Amino acid sequence: MFYKVSVLSCFRWITMNVDHEVSLLVEEIRRLGTKGNDGKLSVKFGVLFNDDKCANLFEALVGTLKAAKRRKIVSYDGELLLQGVHDDTEIVLLQD
């Protein structure tokens, strides 16, 4: 049996899923990050990428980071982060 699914309900599901992944990302930055002189938590991309828990949580860590950056929840230099090349890039949590 097939169900009709509206485009709007699909969009809502995707948005909720992204929101959930972003909230998980915030939790992981809090777990792995350290406070800087400005009082904000930050973590290096390589630490996030190579963490076993993060590897199991996020199907697309870079996509989740981009979504969080668009929502102004995190900040980092550049647009696309690549393993190895950007391991030392700081991911800063903008919200407390």
Protein backbone atom coordinates (compact mmCIF):
# COMPACT_ATOMS: atom_id res chain seq x y z
CA MET A 1 0.00 0.00 0.00
CA PHE A 2 1.36 3.42 -0.92
CA TYR A 3 0.75 6.58 1.03
CA LYS A 4 0.45 10.02 -0.41
CA VAL A 5 2.90 12.32 1.25
CA SER A 6 2.74 16.01 0.71
CA VAL A 7 5.79 18.03 -0.16
CA LEU A 8 5.15 20.16 2.91
CA SER A 9 5.18 17.17 5.26
CA CYS A 10 8.43 15.93 3.67
CA PHE A 11 9.95 19.38 4.13
CA ARG A 12 8.87 19.46 7.78
CA TRP A 13 10.40 16.03 8.40
CA ILE A 14 13.70 17.05 6.79
CA THR A 15 13.78 20.31 8.74
CA MET A 16 13.09 18.49 12.01
CA ASN A 17 15.81 15.97 11.21
CA VAL A 18 18.35 18.72 10.46
CA ASP A 19 17.35 20.60 13.62
CA HIS A 20 17.85 17.40 15.61
CA GLU A 21 21.29 16.78 14.08
CA VAL A 22 22.32 20.38 14.79
CA SER A 23 21.27 19.98 18.43
CA LEU A 24 23.33 16.77 18.62
CA LEU A 25 26.28 18.67 17.14
CA VAL A 26 25.97 21.32 19.86
CA GLU A 27 26.05 18.57 22.51
CA GLU A 28 29.18 17.06 20.95
CA ILE A 29 30.95 20.42 20.77
CA ARG A 30 30.15 20.89 24.47
CA ARG A 31 31.54 17.41 25.21
CA LEU A 32 34.73 17.75 23.17
CA GLY A 33 35.34 21.50 23.18
CA THR A 34 37.34 23.80 25.36
CA LYS A 35 36.61 27.36 26.43
CA GLY A 36 38.69 30.05 24.81
CA ASN A 37 39.74 33.42 26.23
CA ASP A 38 36.46 34.85 24.95
CA GLY A 39 34.50 32.27 27.00
CA LYS A 40 33.17 30.49 23.92
CA LEU A 41 33.52 26.76 23.40
CA SER A 42 35.45 25.56 20.39
CA VAL A 43 36.72 22.31 18.99
CA LYS A 44 38.97 21.49 16.07
CA PHE A 45 37.31 19.91 13.04
CA GLY A 46 39.73 16.98 13.18
CA VAL A 47 38.71 16.21 16.76
CA LEU A 48 35.03 16.13 15.78
CA PHE A 49 35.67 14.17 12.60
CA ASN A 50 37.85 11.52 14.27
CA ASP A 51 35.70 11.05 17.38
CA ASP A 52 34.04 7.61 17.41
CA LYS A 53 30.78 8.86 18.90
CA CYS A 54 30.50 11.63 16.29
CA ALA A 55 31.28 9.15 13.53
CA ASN A 56 28.34 7.03 14.68
CA LEU A 57 25.98 9.98 15.26
CA PHE A 58 26.42 11.98 12.07
CA GLU A 59 25.87 10.54 8.65
CA ALA A 60 27.18 13.77 7.12
CA LEU A 61 29.14 15.79 9.67
CA VAL A 62 30.17 18.44 7.13
CA GLY A 63 26.54 18.91 6.08
CA THR A 64 25.45 19.27 9.70
CA LEU A 65 28.20 21.82 10.29
CA LYS A 66 27.07 23.80 7.23
CA ALA A 67 23.47 23.77 8.48
CA ALA A 68 24.60 24.95 11.92
CA LYS A 69 26.70 27.70 10.34
CA ARG A 70 23.74 28.91 8.25
CA ARG A 71 21.67 29.06 11.45
CA LYS A 72 24.49 31.05 13.15
CA ILE A 73 24.93 28.38 15.81
CA VAL A 74 28.59 27.75 14.97
CA SER A 75 31.28 29.67 13.18
CA TYR A 76 34.35 28.52 11.29
CA ASP A 77 36.58 29.76 8.48
CA GLY A 78 35.77 28.64 4.97
CA GLU A 79 32.80 26.94 3.40
CA LEU A 80 33.81 23.32 2.89
CA LEU A 81 35.77 21.37 5.49
CA LEU A 82 37.82 18.39 4.37
CA GLN A 83 39.38 15.72 6.56
CA GLY A 84 43.13 16.13 6.82
CA VAL A 85 43.23 19.51 5.09
CA HIS A 86 41.09 21.34 7.67
CA ASP A 87 41.72 19.27 10.81
CA ASP A 88 43.05 22.34 12.66
CA THR A 89 40.09 24.58 11.75
CA GLU A 90 38.34 25.77 14.90
CA ILE A 91 34.59 25.25 15.13
CA VAL A 92 33.28 27.89 17.55
CA LEU A 93 29.95 27.46 19.33
CA LEU A 94 28.18 30.84 19.14
CA GLN A 95 25.29 29.92 21.44
CA ASP A 96 25.64 28.93 25.07
